[in-house]
C-alpha cells in the first residue's frame, strides 16, 4: 500500500471550510453554553430546594446521556412537536446544552474555592450583591478554573465532529465526503486529524498565555 497525499490538494479549500465551520459552531456553543452554565450553577447554589433540585437534575440528565442522543432529540424528535431546526442550529444547540452542564460543575468548583472571608469582606465594605458576584466571586473563580475551562473547550471542539451525523458540513463531514470520492481514506483522516490537533494545540497555548500573561498579572 502506497500513501499519496497529492490527491487531497484540490480538496484543501473544502477541508479548510469544514474546519472553519467546526470552529464556528464550537465558538457559538461556548458563547451560549457559558452563561447557561452560570445560570445552572446559580440554580444549584440557590437557597430554595426546588431550584437546587432543578439545577441538579439538569446536570445529571445531561451528563449521563450521550451527546449524540441529545442531538437526535433536538434534530429528529422536536420536529414531531412542531419545532424544527436546520442542521447547524441543531448542532450548536446540542453542543451548548451539553457544554452548559459540564461548565456548571466547573464553575461550582471555582466558586467554592473562593474563601468565605473574601465574600464577607465585600459585604462589610457595602458592595452590592451584583458587584460582589462579578468582581469578588466570578473573576477569581474563572481564574481558578481556567485550565478546566480550556479542557472543556478543547473537548467541545473535538465533539463538534458529531454534528456530521446530521449533515452539518464541518470538518468530519467534509473528510467523509473526500474519502468516498478519492478513496484516500488514511491520507484524508491523517490530514483531518492534524487539523483537529493544530486547533486544539492553539487553544491550549492561548489559554496558557492568558493564564501567565493575562489573568494572573491583573490579579496580582
N, C-alpha and C. Protein backbone atom coordinates (compact mmCIF):
# COMPACT_ATOMS: atom_id res chain seq x y z
N UNK A 1 0.85 -1.19 0.00
CA UNK A 1 0.00 0.00 0.00
C UNK A 1 0.89 1.25 0.00
N UNK A 2 0.54 2.16 -0.91
CA UNK A 2 1.32 3.40 -1.01
C UNK A 2 0.44 4.58 -0.63
N UNK A 3 1.00 5.44 0.22
CA UNK A 3 0.26 6.64 0.60
C UNK A 3 0.59 7.75 -0.38
N UNK A 4 -0.44 8.49 -0.79
CA UNK A 4 -0.23 9.59 -1.72
C UNK A 4 -1.16 10.74 -1.33
N UNK A 5 -0.56 11.82 -0.85
CA UNK A 5 -1.36 12.94 -0.35
C UNK A 5 -1.71 13.94 -1.46
N UNK A 6 -1.11 13.75 -2.64
CA UNK A 6 -1.34 14.71 -3.72
C UNK A 6 -2.80 14.81 -4.14
N UNK A 7 -3.54 13.70 -4.00
CA UNK A 7 -4.96 13.74 -4.40
C UNK A 7 -5.79 14.66 -3.51
N UNK A 8 -5.24 15.01 -2.34
CA UNK A 8 -6.01 15.85 -1.41
C UNK A 8 -5.83 17.35 -1.68
N UNK A 9 -4.82 17.69 -2.48
CA UNK A 9 -4.55 19.12 -2.72
C UNK A 9 -5.76 19.85 -3.29
N UNK A 10 -6.46 19.29 -4.29
CA UNK A 10 -7.65 20.00 -4.80
C UNK A 10 -8.76 20.16 -3.76
N UNK A 11 -8.71 19.33 -2.70
CA UNK A 11 -9.76 19.38 -1.67
C UNK A 11 -9.37 20.25 -0.48
N UNK A 12 -8.21 20.90 -0.56
CA UNK A 12 -7.75 21.73 0.56
C UNK A 12 -8.77 22.81 0.94
N UNK A 13 -9.34 23.53 -0.05
CA UNK A 13 -10.35 24.56 0.33
C UNK A 13 -11.55 23.96 1.06
N UNK A 14 -11.99 22.76 0.64
CA UNK A 14 -13.12 22.11 1.33
C UNK A 14 -12.75 21.78 2.78
N UNK A 15 -11.54 21.25 2.97
CA UNK A 15 -11.11 20.91 4.33
C UNK A 15 -11.04 22.14 5.22
N UNK A 16 -10.50 23.24 4.67
CA UNK A 16 -10.39 24.46 5.46
C UNK A 16 -11.77 25.06 5.75
N UNK A 17 -12.67 24.96 4.77
CA UNK A 17 -14.03 25.45 5.01
C UNK A 17 -14.72 24.62 6.09
N UNK A 18 -14.52 23.30 6.05
CA UNK A 18 -15.08 22.43 7.08
C UNK A 18 -14.50 22.74 8.45
N UNK A 19 -13.19 23.00 8.47
CA UNK A 19 -12.56 23.36 9.74
C UNK A 19 -13.14 24.67 10.27
N UNK A 20 -13.36 25.61 9.36
CA UNK A 20 -13.94 26.89 9.78
C UNK A 20 -15.32 26.71 10.41
N UNK A 21 -16.13 25.84 9.82
CA UNK A 21 -17.47 25.59 10.39
C UNK A 21 -17.36 24.90 11.74
N UNK A 22 -16.39 23.97 11.87
CA UNK A 22 -16.18 23.31 13.18
C UNK A 22 -15.83 24.35 14.24
N UNK A 23 -14.97 25.30 13.88
CA UNK A 23 -14.58 26.34 14.84
C UNK A 23 -15.76 27.24 15.15
N UNK A 24 -16.55 27.60 14.15
CA UNK A 24 -17.68 28.50 14.36
C UNK A 24 -18.74 27.87 15.26
N UNK A 25 -19.08 26.61 15.04
CA UNK A 25 -20.11 26.01 15.89
C UNK A 25 -19.58 25.80 17.31
N UNK A 26 -18.25 25.59 17.44
CA UNK A 26 -17.67 25.50 18.78
C UNK A 26 -17.75 26.84 19.49
N UNK A 27 -17.39 27.92 18.79
CA UNK A 27 -17.46 29.26 19.39
C UNK A 27 -18.90 29.59 19.79
N UNK A 28 -19.85 29.26 18.93
CA UNK A 28 -21.25 29.53 19.25
C UNK A 28 -21.69 28.75 20.48
N UNK A 29 -21.25 27.48 20.56
CA UNK A 29 -21.61 26.66 21.72
C UNK A 29 -20.96 27.20 23.00
N UNK A 30 -19.76 27.76 22.88
CA UNK A 30 -19.10 28.36 24.06
C UNK A 30 -19.85 29.61 24.50
N UNK A 31 -20.22 30.45 23.52
CA UNK A 31 -20.90 31.72 23.85
C UNK A 31 -22.28 31.47 24.45
N UNK A 32 -22.98 30.44 23.98
CA UNK A 32 -24.31 30.14 24.52
C UNK A 32 -24.20 29.32 25.80
N UNK A 33 -23.29 28.36 25.81
CA UNK A 33 -23.19 27.45 26.95
C UNK A 33 -22.60 28.09 28.20
N UNK A 34 -21.73 29.10 28.03
CA UNK A 34 -21.08 29.70 29.19
C UNK A 34 -22.08 30.40 30.11
N UNK A 35 -22.88 31.36 29.61
CA UNK A 35 -23.87 31.97 30.52
C UNK A 35 -24.92 30.98 30.99
N UNK A 36 -25.26 30.00 30.12
CA UNK A 36 -26.23 28.99 30.55
C UNK A 36 -25.66 28.16 31.70
N UNK A 37 -24.35 27.88 31.64
CA UNK A 37 -23.70 27.15 32.72
C UNK A 37 -23.70 27.94 34.02
N UNK A 38 -23.50 29.27 33.92
CA UNK A 38 -23.57 30.10 35.13
C UNK A 38 -24.98 30.04 35.71
N UNK A 39 -25.98 30.10 34.83
CA UNK A 39 -27.36 30.03 35.31
C UNK A 39 -27.65 28.71 36.01
N UNK A 40 -27.16 27.62 35.43
CA UNK A 40 -27.39 26.31 36.06
C UNK A 40 -26.67 26.24 37.40
N UNK A 41 -25.45 26.80 37.46
CA UNK A 41 -24.74 26.81 38.75
C UNK A 41 -25.54 27.59 39.80
N UNK A 42 -26.09 28.77 39.38
CA UNK A 42 -26.85 29.59 40.33
C UNK A 42 -28.08 28.83 40.83
N UNK A 43 -28.68 28.03 39.95
CA UNK A 43 -29.80 27.19 40.39
C UNK A 43 -29.33 26.19 41.45
N UNK A 44 -28.19 25.56 41.17
CA UNK A 44 -27.65 24.56 42.11
C UNK A 44 -27.25 25.18 43.44
N UNK A 45 -26.85 26.46 43.40
CA UNK A 45 -26.40 27.13 44.63
C UNK A 45 -27.53 27.87 45.32
N UNK A 46 -28.75 27.80 44.77
CA UNK A 46 -29.87 28.54 45.35
C UNK A 46 -30.21 28.04 46.75
N UNK A 47 -30.80 28.94 47.53
CA UNK A 47 -31.25 28.54 48.87
C UNK A 47 -32.58 27.81 48.82
N UNK A 48 -33.26 27.91 47.67
CA UNK A 48 -34.56 27.25 47.53
C UNK A 48 -34.36 25.80 47.08
N UNK A 49 -34.87 24.84 47.82
CA UNK A 49 -34.67 23.42 47.47
C UNK A 49 -35.18 23.08 46.07
N UNK A 50 -36.29 23.69 45.66
CA UNK A 50 -36.85 23.39 44.33
C UNK A 50 -35.87 23.77 43.24
N UNK A 51 -35.31 24.98 43.35
CA UNK A 51 -34.36 25.44 42.34
C UNK A 51 -33.10 24.58 42.35
N UNK A 52 -32.64 24.22 43.56
CA UNK A 52 -31.45 23.35 43.66
C UNK A 52 -31.72 22.01 42.98
N UNK A 53 -32.93 21.48 43.18
CA UNK A 53 -33.28 20.19 42.58
C UNK A 53 -33.32 20.30 41.05
N UNK A 54 -33.86 21.42 40.54
CA UNK A 54 -33.93 21.61 39.09
C UNK A 54 -32.51 21.68 38.50
N UNK A 55 -31.64 22.45 39.15
CA UNK A 55 -30.26 22.57 38.68
C UNK A 55 -29.53 21.24 38.71
N UNK A 56 -29.71 20.50 39.80
CA UNK A 56 -29.03 19.20 39.93
C UNK A 56 -29.57 18.21 38.89
N UNK A 57 -30.89 18.22 38.68
CA UNK A 57 -31.48 17.30 37.69
C UNK A 57 -30.98 17.61 36.29
N UNK A 58 -30.88 18.88 35.97
CA UNK A 58 -30.38 19.28 34.64
C UNK A 58 -28.98 18.73 34.41
N UNK A 59 -28.11 18.94 35.41
CA UNK A 59 -26.72 18.49 35.27
C UNK A 59 -26.64 16.98 35.14
N UNK A 60 -27.39 16.27 35.99
CA UNK A 60 -27.30 14.81 35.98
C UNK A 60 -27.85 14.22 34.68
N UNK A 61 -28.97 14.77 34.21
CA UNK A 61 -29.58 14.24 32.98
C UNK A 61 -28.66 14.47 31.78
N UNK A 62 -28.13 15.68 31.68
CA UNK A 62 -27.29 15.99 30.52
C UNK A 62 -25.97 15.23 30.58
N UNK A 63 -25.36 15.16 31.77
CA UNK A 63 -24.06 14.49 31.88
C UNK A 63 -24.15 12.99 31.69
N UNK A 64 -25.31 12.42 31.98
CA UNK A 64 -25.44 10.96 31.95
C UNK A 64 -26.20 10.45 30.74
N UNK A 65 -26.31 11.27 29.73
CA UNK A 65 -26.88 10.81 28.45
C UNK A 65 -25.91 11.20 27.34
N UNK A 66 -25.84 10.41 26.26
CA UNK A 66 -24.87 10.70 25.20
C UNK A 66 -25.20 11.99 24.46
N UNK A 67 -24.15 12.68 24.07
CA UNK A 67 -24.32 13.89 23.26
C UNK A 67 -25.07 13.57 21.98
N UNK A 68 -24.80 12.40 21.41
CA UNK A 68 -25.47 12.01 20.16
C UNK A 68 -26.97 11.91 20.37
N UNK A 69 -27.38 11.36 21.52
CA UNK A 69 -28.81 11.25 21.82
C UNK A 69 -29.43 12.64 21.93
N UNK A 70 -28.73 13.55 22.59
CA UNK A 70 -29.25 14.91 22.72
C UNK A 70 -29.39 15.58 21.35
N UNK A 71 -28.44 15.31 20.47
CA UNK A 71 -28.52 15.87 19.11
C UNK A 71 -29.70 15.27 18.36
N UNK A 72 -29.90 13.97 18.49
CA UNK A 72 -31.03 13.31 17.83
C UNK A 72 -32.37 13.88 18.33
N UNK A 73 -32.45 14.10 19.66
CA UNK A 73 -33.69 14.64 20.22
C UNK A 73 -34.00 16.01 19.63
N UNK A 74 -32.97 16.84 19.51
CA UNK A 74 -33.18 18.20 19.00
C UNK A 74 -33.51 18.18 17.51
N UNK A 75 -32.79 17.36 16.76
CA UNK A 75 -32.92 17.42 15.29
C UNK A 75 -34.04 16.52 14.75
N UNK A 76 -34.21 15.34 15.37
CA UNK A 76 -35.20 14.40 14.82
C UNK A 76 -36.50 14.34 15.62
N UNK A 77 -36.43 14.56 16.96
CA UNK A 77 -37.63 14.39 17.78
C UNK A 77 -38.44 15.68 17.89
N UNK A 78 -37.78 16.82 18.04
CA UNK A 78 -38.54 18.07 18.21
C UNK A 78 -39.44 18.41 17.02
N UNK A 79 -39.06 18.08 15.77
CA UNK A 79 -39.99 18.36 14.66
C UNK A 79 -41.35 17.69 14.82
N UNK A 80 -41.42 16.57 15.58
CA UNK A 80 -42.71 15.90 15.77
C UNK A 80 -43.67 16.73 16.62
N UNK A 81 -43.13 17.72 17.36
CA UNK A 81 -44.00 18.63 18.13
C UNK A 81 -43.96 20.03 17.52
N UNK A 82 -43.52 20.11 16.27
CA UNK A 82 -43.59 21.38 15.55
C UNK A 82 -42.40 22.29 15.71
N UNK A 83 -41.32 21.80 16.30
CA UNK A 83 -40.11 22.62 16.47
C UNK A 83 -39.03 22.10 15.53
N UNK A 84 -38.68 22.93 14.56
CA UNK A 84 -37.71 22.49 13.55
C UNK A 84 -36.45 23.35 13.59
N UNK A 85 -35.33 22.71 13.46
CA UNK A 85 -34.04 23.43 13.39
C UNK A 85 -33.27 22.91 12.19
N UNK A 86 -32.52 23.81 11.55
CA UNK A 86 -31.62 23.35 10.50
C UNK A 86 -30.44 22.63 11.14
N UNK A 87 -29.67 21.85 10.36
CA UNK A 87 -28.60 21.03 10.97
C UNK A 87 -27.59 21.84 11.80
N UNK A 88 -27.17 23.00 11.31
CA UNK A 88 -26.16 23.77 12.05
C UNK A 88 -26.73 24.26 13.38
N UNK A 89 -27.96 24.80 13.34
CA UNK A 89 -28.57 25.28 14.59
C UNK A 89 -28.77 24.13 15.58
N UNK A 90 -29.21 22.98 15.08
CA UNK A 90 -29.40 21.82 15.96
C UNK A 90 -28.06 21.40 16.57
N UNK A 91 -27.00 21.40 15.76
CA UNK A 91 -25.68 21.05 16.28
C UNK A 91 -25.21 22.01 17.35
N UNK A 92 -25.41 23.31 17.11
CA UNK A 92 -25.00 24.32 18.10
C UNK A 92 -25.79 24.16 19.39
N UNK A 93 -27.10 23.94 19.27
CA UNK A 93 -27.94 23.79 20.47
C UNK A 93 -27.52 22.56 21.28
N UNK A 94 -27.30 21.45 20.60
CA UNK A 94 -26.91 20.23 21.32
C UNK A 94 -25.57 20.43 22.04
N UNK A 95 -24.61 21.02 21.35
CA UNK A 95 -23.30 21.26 21.97
C UNK A 95 -23.42 22.25 23.12
N UNK A 96 -24.26 23.28 22.96
CA UNK A 96 -24.41 24.30 24.01
C UNK A 96 -25.02 23.70 25.27
N UNK A 97 -26.10 22.93 25.09
CA UNK A 97 -26.77 22.31 26.25
C UNK A 97 -25.81 21.35 26.96
N UNK A 98 -25.14 20.52 26.18
CA UNK A 98 -24.20 19.57 26.77
C UNK A 98 -23.07 20.30 27.49
N UNK A 99 -22.56 21.34 26.83
CA UNK A 99 -21.45 22.11 27.40
C UNK A 99 -21.85 22.79 28.71
N UNK A 100 -23.07 23.30 28.78
CA UNK A 100 -23.51 24.06 29.96
C UNK A 100 -23.52 23.19 31.21
N UNK A 101 -23.88 21.91 31.08
CA UNK A 101 -23.92 21.05 32.27
C UNK A 101 -22.52 20.84 32.85
N UNK A 102 -21.56 20.63 31.96
CA UNK A 102 -20.18 20.45 32.44
C UNK A 102 -19.61 21.76 32.98
N UNK A 103 -19.95 22.87 32.30
CA UNK A 103 -19.45 24.16 32.77
C UNK A 103 -20.03 24.51 34.15
N UNK A 104 -21.28 24.14 34.39
CA UNK A 104 -21.89 24.42 35.69
C UNK A 104 -21.08 23.77 36.81
N UNK A 105 -20.63 22.54 36.57
CA UNK A 105 -19.82 21.85 37.58
C UNK A 105 -18.43 22.48 37.72
N UNK A 106 -17.88 22.92 36.61
CA UNK A 106 -16.57 23.59 36.67
C UNK A 106 -16.70 24.91 37.43
N UNK A 107 -17.76 25.66 37.13
CA UNK A 107 -17.99 26.92 37.86
C UNK A 107 -18.17 26.65 39.35
N UNK A 108 -18.91 25.59 39.66
CA UNK A 108 -19.16 25.27 41.08
C UNK A 108 -17.84 25.04 41.82
N UNK A 109 -16.93 24.31 41.17
CA UNK A 109 -15.63 24.08 41.80
C UNK A 109 -14.89 25.41 42.00
N UNK A 110 -14.99 26.29 41.01
CA UNK A 110 -14.30 27.58 41.12
C UNK A 110 -14.90 28.46 42.19
N UNK A 111 -16.24 28.54 42.24
CA UNK A 111 -16.89 29.39 43.23
C UNK A 111 -16.64 28.88 44.65
N UNK A 112 -16.66 27.57 44.80
CA UNK A 112 -16.48 27.02 46.15
C UNK A 112 -15.05 27.16 46.65
N UNK A 113 -14.14 27.47 45.72
CA UNK A 113 -12.75 27.67 46.12
C UNK A 113 -12.49 29.10 46.62
N UNK A 114 -13.49 29.99 46.42
CA UNK A 114 -13.31 31.38 46.90
C UNK A 114 -13.43 31.39 48.42
N UNK A 115 -12.44 31.93 49.14
CA UNK A 115 -12.50 31.97 50.60
C UNK A 115 -13.74 32.72 51.09
N UNK A 116 -14.41 32.15 52.08
CA UNK A 116 -15.61 32.77 52.62
C UNK A 116 -15.31 34.18 53.16
N UNK A 117 -14.11 34.36 53.73
CA UNK A 117 -13.74 35.65 54.29
C UNK A 117 -13.70 36.75 53.24
N UNK A 118 -13.39 36.37 51.98
CA UNK A 118 -13.33 37.34 50.90
C UNK A 118 -14.73 37.89 50.60
N UNK A 119 -15.72 37.01 50.66
CA UNK A 119 -17.10 37.44 50.42
C UNK A 119 -17.61 38.27 51.59
N UNK A 120 -17.24 37.85 52.81
CA UNK A 120 -17.67 38.61 53.98
C UNK A 120 -17.03 40.00 53.98
N UNK A 121 -15.80 40.09 53.48
CA UNK A 121 -15.14 41.40 53.40
C UNK A 121 -15.88 42.31 52.42
N UNK A 122 -16.35 41.72 51.30
CA UNK A 122 -17.12 42.51 50.33
C UNK A 122 -18.41 43.01 50.96
N UNK A 123 -19.06 42.16 51.75
CA UNK A 123 -20.29 42.57 52.43
C UNK A 123 -20.00 43.69 53.43
N UNK A 124 -18.87 43.56 54.14
CA UNK A 124 -18.51 44.58 55.14
C UNK A 124 -18.21 45.93 54.48
N UNK A 125 -17.71 45.88 53.25
CA UNK A 125 -17.42 47.12 52.53
C UNK A 125 -18.67 47.72 51.88
N UNK A 126 -19.77 47.02 51.99
CA UNK A 126 -21.02 47.54 51.45
C UNK A 126 -21.17 47.37 49.95
N UNK A 127 -20.43 46.44 49.36
CA UNK A 127 -20.56 46.20 47.92
C UNK A 127 -21.91 45.55 47.62
N UNK A 128 -22.47 45.91 46.49
CA UNK A 128 -23.76 45.34 46.12
C UNK A 128 -23.59 43.86 45.80
N UNK A 129 -24.72 43.14 45.80
CA UNK A 129 -24.64 41.70 45.52
C UNK A 129 -24.12 41.47 44.10
N UNK A 130 -24.52 42.36 43.16
CA UNK A 130 -24.08 42.20 41.78
C UNK A 130 -22.57 42.41 41.67
N UNK A 131 -22.08 43.48 42.33
CA UNK A 131 -20.64 43.76 42.29
C UNK A 131 -19.86 42.63 42.95
N UNK A 132 -20.38 42.17 44.07
CA UNK A 132 -19.71 41.06 44.77
C UNK A 132 -19.65 39.82 43.90
N UNK A 133 -20.77 39.54 43.20
CA UNK A 133 -20.79 38.33 42.37
C UNK A 133 -19.78 38.41 41.23
N UNK A 134 -19.79 39.55 40.50
CA UNK A 134 -18.95 39.64 39.31
C UNK A 134 -17.47 39.86 39.65
N UNK A 135 -17.19 40.70 40.64
CA UNK A 135 -15.80 41.10 40.89
C UNK A 135 -15.11 40.32 42.02
N UNK A 136 -15.89 39.81 42.95
CA UNK A 136 -15.28 39.11 44.09
C UNK A 136 -15.37 37.59 43.90
N UNK A 137 -16.42 37.16 43.19
CA UNK A 137 -16.59 35.71 43.06
C UNK A 137 -16.29 35.21 41.64
N UNK A 138 -16.93 35.85 40.63
CA UNK A 138 -16.85 35.30 39.27
C UNK A 138 -15.43 35.36 38.68
N UNK A 139 -14.80 36.54 38.74
CA UNK A 139 -13.47 36.68 38.11
C UNK A 139 -12.43 35.78 38.78
N UNK A 140 -12.33 35.78 40.14
CA UNK A 140 -11.37 34.84 40.75
C UNK A 140 -11.71 33.38 40.48
N UNK A 141 -13.02 33.08 40.41
CA UNK A 141 -13.42 31.69 40.15
C UNK A 141 -12.98 31.27 38.75
N UNK A 142 -13.15 32.16 37.77
CA UNK A 142 -12.73 31.84 36.41
C UNK A 142 -11.22 31.64 36.33
N UNK A 143 -10.49 32.45 37.10
CA UNK A 143 -9.03 32.28 37.12
C UNK A 143 -8.66 30.91 37.67
N UNK A 144 -9.37 30.49 38.72
CA UNK A 144 -9.05 29.21 39.35
C UNK A 144 -9.32 28.02 38.43
N UNK A 145 -10.36 28.17 37.60
CA UNK A 145 -10.77 27.01 36.79
C UNK A 145 -10.38 27.16 35.32
N UNK A 146 -9.51 28.10 35.00
CA UNK A 146 -9.14 28.31 33.60
C UNK A 146 -8.61 27.05 32.93
N UNK A 147 -7.73 26.26 33.58
CA UNK A 147 -7.29 25.01 32.91
C UNK A 147 -8.44 24.06 32.62
N UNK A 148 -9.38 23.96 33.56
CA UNK A 148 -10.53 23.07 33.33
C UNK A 148 -11.41 23.61 32.21
N UNK A 149 -11.58 24.94 32.16
CA UNK A 149 -12.37 25.54 31.08
C UNK A 149 -11.71 25.29 29.73
N UNK A 150 -10.38 25.38 29.72
CA UNK A 150 -9.65 25.14 28.46
C UNK A 150 -9.87 23.71 27.99
N UNK A 151 -9.76 22.76 28.92
CA UNK A 151 -10.01 21.36 28.56
C UNK A 151 -11.41 21.18 28.01
N UNK A 152 -12.37 21.85 28.63
CA UNK A 152 -13.76 21.72 28.18
C UNK A 152 -13.94 22.28 26.77
N UNK A 153 -13.29 23.41 26.49
CA UNK A 153 -13.41 24.00 25.15
C UNK A 153 -12.77 23.06 24.11
N UNK A 154 -11.63 22.47 24.45
CA UNK A 154 -10.98 21.54 23.52
C UNK A 154 -11.88 20.32 23.28
N UNK A 155 -12.43 19.78 24.37
CA UNK A 155 -13.33 18.63 24.22
C UNK A 155 -14.55 19.00 23.38
N UNK A 156 -15.04 20.22 23.58
CA UNK A 156 -16.20 20.68 22.81
C UNK A 156 -15.85 20.78 21.34
N UNK A 157 -14.68 21.30 21.04
CA UNK A 157 -14.25 21.42 19.64
C UNK A 157 -14.15 20.04 19.00
N UNK A 158 -13.54 19.10 19.71
CA UNK A 158 -13.42 17.74 19.17
C UNK A 158 -14.79 17.07 19.04
N UNK A 159 -15.68 17.38 20.00
CA UNK A 159 -17.02 16.78 19.95
C UNK A 159 -17.88 17.37 18.84
N UNK A 160 -17.46 18.50 18.29
CA UNK A 160 -18.24 19.11 17.21
C UNK A 160 -18.31 18.19 16.00
N UNK A 161 -17.39 17.22 15.92
CA UNK A 161 -17.39 16.28 14.80
C UNK A 161 -18.66 15.44 14.77
N UNK A 162 -19.32 15.32 15.93
CA UNK A 162 -20.53 14.50 15.99
C UNK A 162 -21.67 15.14 15.20
N UNK A 163 -21.55 16.45 14.95
CA UNK A 163 -22.59 17.14 14.17
C UNK A 163 -22.62 16.66 12.73
N UNK A 164 -21.57 15.96 12.30
CA UNK A 164 -21.56 15.42 10.94
C UNK A 164 -22.69 14.41 10.74
N UNK A 165 -23.17 13.82 11.85
CA UNK A 165 -24.25 12.83 11.78
C UNK A 165 -25.52 13.43 11.16
N UNK A 166 -25.75 14.74 11.43
CA UNK A 166 -26.96 15.37 10.88
C UNK A 166 -26.60 16.27 9.69
N UNK A 167 -25.49 15.93 9.04
CA UNK A 167 -25.09 16.58 7.79
C UNK A 167 -24.65 18.03 7.96
N UNK A 168 -24.15 18.39 9.14
CA UNK A 168 -23.50 19.70 9.28
C UNK A 168 -22.18 19.64 8.51
N UNK A 169 -21.93 20.58 7.60
CA UNK A 169 -20.74 20.47 6.75
C UNK A 169 -19.45 20.88 7.46
N UNK A 170 -19.22 20.29 8.63
CA UNK A 170 -18.00 20.59 9.37
C UNK A 170 -16.88 19.64 8.91
N UNK A 171 -15.75 19.70 9.59
CA UNK A 171 -14.55 19.01 9.09
C UNK A 171 -14.74 17.51 8.91
N UNK A 172 -15.34 16.83 9.89
CA UNK A 172 -15.52 15.39 9.76
C UNK A 172 -16.41 15.04 8.59
N UNK A 173 -17.47 15.81 8.41
CA UNK A 173 -18.38 15.58 7.29
C UNK A 173 -17.65 15.75 5.97
N UNK A 174 -16.81 16.77 5.88
CA UNK A 174 -16.04 17.00 4.66
C UNK A 174 -15.06 15.85 4.42
N UNK A 175 -14.42 15.39 5.49
CA UNK A 175 -13.47 14.28 5.33
C UNK A 175 -14.16 13.03 4.79
N UNK A 176 -15.36 12.73 5.32
CA UNK A 176 -16.08 11.55 4.85
C UNK A 176 -16.42 11.67 3.38
N UNK A 177 -16.78 12.88 2.95
CA UNK A 177 -17.09 13.08 1.54
C UNK A 177 -15.87 12.89 0.65
N UNK A 178 -14.72 13.37 1.13
CA UNK A 178 -13.49 13.25 0.33
C UNK A 178 -13.05 11.78 0.21
N UNK A 179 -13.22 11.03 1.29
CA UNK A 179 -12.80 9.61 1.23
C UNK A 179 -13.63 8.83 0.21
N UNK A 180 -14.91 9.19 0.07
CA UNK A 180 -15.75 8.45 -0.88
C UNK A 180 -15.43 8.82 -2.33
N UNK A 181 -14.86 10.00 -2.55
CA UNK A 181 -14.57 10.41 -3.92
C UNK A 181 -13.12 10.10 -4.34
N UNK A 182 -12.20 10.05 -3.35
CA UNK A 182 -10.79 9.82 -3.69
C UNK A 182 -10.30 8.43 -3.27
N UNK A 183 -11.02 7.80 -2.35
CA UNK A 183 -10.60 6.52 -1.76
C UNK A 183 -9.26 6.64 -1.04
N UNK A 184 -8.87 7.86 -0.70
CA UNK A 184 -7.65 8.11 0.09
C UNK A 184 -8.04 8.23 1.56
N UNK A 185 -8.50 7.13 2.13
CA UNK A 185 -9.05 7.17 3.49
C UNK A 185 -7.99 7.54 4.53
N UNK A 186 -6.86 6.83 4.50
CA UNK A 186 -5.82 7.08 5.51
C UNK A 186 -5.29 8.50 5.37
N UNK A 187 -4.99 8.90 4.15
CA UNK A 187 -4.43 10.24 3.94
C UNK A 187 -5.41 11.33 4.41
N UNK A 188 -6.69 11.13 4.09
CA UNK A 188 -7.69 12.14 4.48
C UNK A 188 -7.81 12.25 5.99
N UNK A 189 -7.87 11.10 6.66
CA UNK A 189 -8.01 11.14 8.11
C UNK A 189 -6.74 11.65 8.79
N UNK A 190 -5.58 11.38 8.19
CA UNK A 190 -4.33 11.91 8.77
C UNK A 190 -4.33 13.43 8.68
N UNK A 191 -4.69 13.97 7.51
CA UNK A 191 -4.71 15.43 7.35
C UNK A 191 -5.78 16.04 8.26
N UNK A 192 -6.97 15.43 8.29
CA UNK A 192 -8.03 15.95 9.17
C UNK A 192 -7.62 15.90 10.63
N UNK A 193 -6.98 14.79 11.02
CA UNK A 193 -6.52 14.68 12.41
C UNK A 193 -5.50 15.75 12.76
N UNK A 194 -4.62 16.06 11.81
CA UNK A 194 -3.64 17.12 12.05
C UNK A 194 -4.31 18.47 12.21
N UNK A 195 -5.37 18.71 11.44
CA UNK A 195 -6.10 19.98 11.57
C UNK A 195 -6.77 20.08 12.94
N UNK A 196 -7.41 18.97 13.37
CA UNK A 196 -8.01 18.97 14.72
C UNK A 196 -6.94 19.23 15.77
N UNK A 197 -5.80 18.53 15.63
CA UNK A 197 -4.72 18.67 16.61
C UNK A 197 -4.20 20.11 16.65
N UNK A 198 -4.03 20.71 15.47
CA UNK A 198 -3.48 22.07 15.40
C UNK A 198 -4.37 23.06 16.14
N UNK A 199 -5.68 22.98 15.91
CA UNK A 199 -6.60 23.92 16.56
C UNK A 199 -6.62 23.68 18.07
N UNK A 200 -6.68 22.40 18.49
CA UNK A 200 -6.68 22.10 19.92
C UNK A 200 -5.39 22.58 20.58
N UNK A 201 -4.28 22.41 19.87
CA UNK A 201 -2.98 22.85 20.40
C UNK A 201 -2.95 24.38 20.55
N UNK A 202 -3.52 25.08 19.58
CA UNK A 202 -3.55 26.54 19.66
C UNK A 202 -4.45 27.02 20.79
N UNK A 203 -5.57 26.34 21.01
CA UNK A 203 -6.45 26.70 22.13
C UNK A 203 -5.72 26.55 23.45
N UNK A 204 -5.02 25.42 23.61
CA UNK A 204 -4.26 25.18 24.85
C UNK A 204 -3.17 26.24 25.02
N UNK A 205 -2.48 26.59 23.92
CA UNK A 205 -1.42 27.60 24.00
C UNK A 205 -1.98 28.97 24.36
N UNK A 206 -3.12 29.33 23.78
CA UNK A 206 -3.73 30.62 24.09
C UNK A 206 -4.15 30.67 25.56
N UNK A 207 -4.64 29.55 26.07
CA UNK A 207 -5.04 29.50 27.48
C UNK A 207 -3.83 29.69 28.40
N UNK A 208 -2.72 29.01 28.05
CA UNK A 208 -1.51 29.16 28.88
C UNK A 208 -1.02 30.60 28.85
N UNK A 209 -1.09 31.23 27.68
CA UNK A 209 -0.67 32.63 27.55
C UNK A 209 -1.55 33.54 28.40
N UNK A 210 -2.86 33.29 28.34
CA UNK A 210 -3.81 34.09 29.13
C UNK A 210 -3.56 33.91 30.62
N UNK A 211 -3.27 32.67 31.01
CA UNK A 211 -3.06 32.37 32.43
C UNK A 211 -1.78 33.02 32.96
N UNK A 212 -0.73 33.01 32.15
CA UNK A 212 0.57 33.51 32.63
C UNK A 212 0.76 35.01 32.39
N UNK A 213 0.20 35.52 31.30
CA UNK A 213 0.42 36.93 30.97
C UNK A 213 -0.80 37.80 31.21
N UNK A 214 -1.96 37.20 31.37
CA UNK A 214 -3.18 37.98 31.47
C UNK A 214 -3.78 38.00 32.84
N UNK A 215 -4.51 36.94 33.17
CA UNK A 215 -5.30 36.94 34.40
C UNK A 215 -4.44 37.06 35.64
N UNK A 216 -3.37 36.29 35.73
CA UNK A 216 -2.54 36.34 36.94
C UNK A 216 -1.92 37.71 37.12
N UNK A 217 -1.53 38.32 35.98
CA UNK A 217 -0.90 39.63 36.09
C UNK A 217 -1.89 40.66 36.62
N UNK A 218 -3.14 40.59 36.13
CA UNK A 218 -4.15 41.55 36.55
C UNK A 218 -4.50 41.39 38.02
N UNK A 219 -4.61 40.12 38.46
CA UNK A 219 -4.97 39.87 39.85
C UNK A 219 -3.87 40.30 40.78
N UNK A 220 -2.63 40.01 40.40
CA UNK A 220 -1.52 40.42 41.25
C UNK A 220 -1.44 41.93 41.33
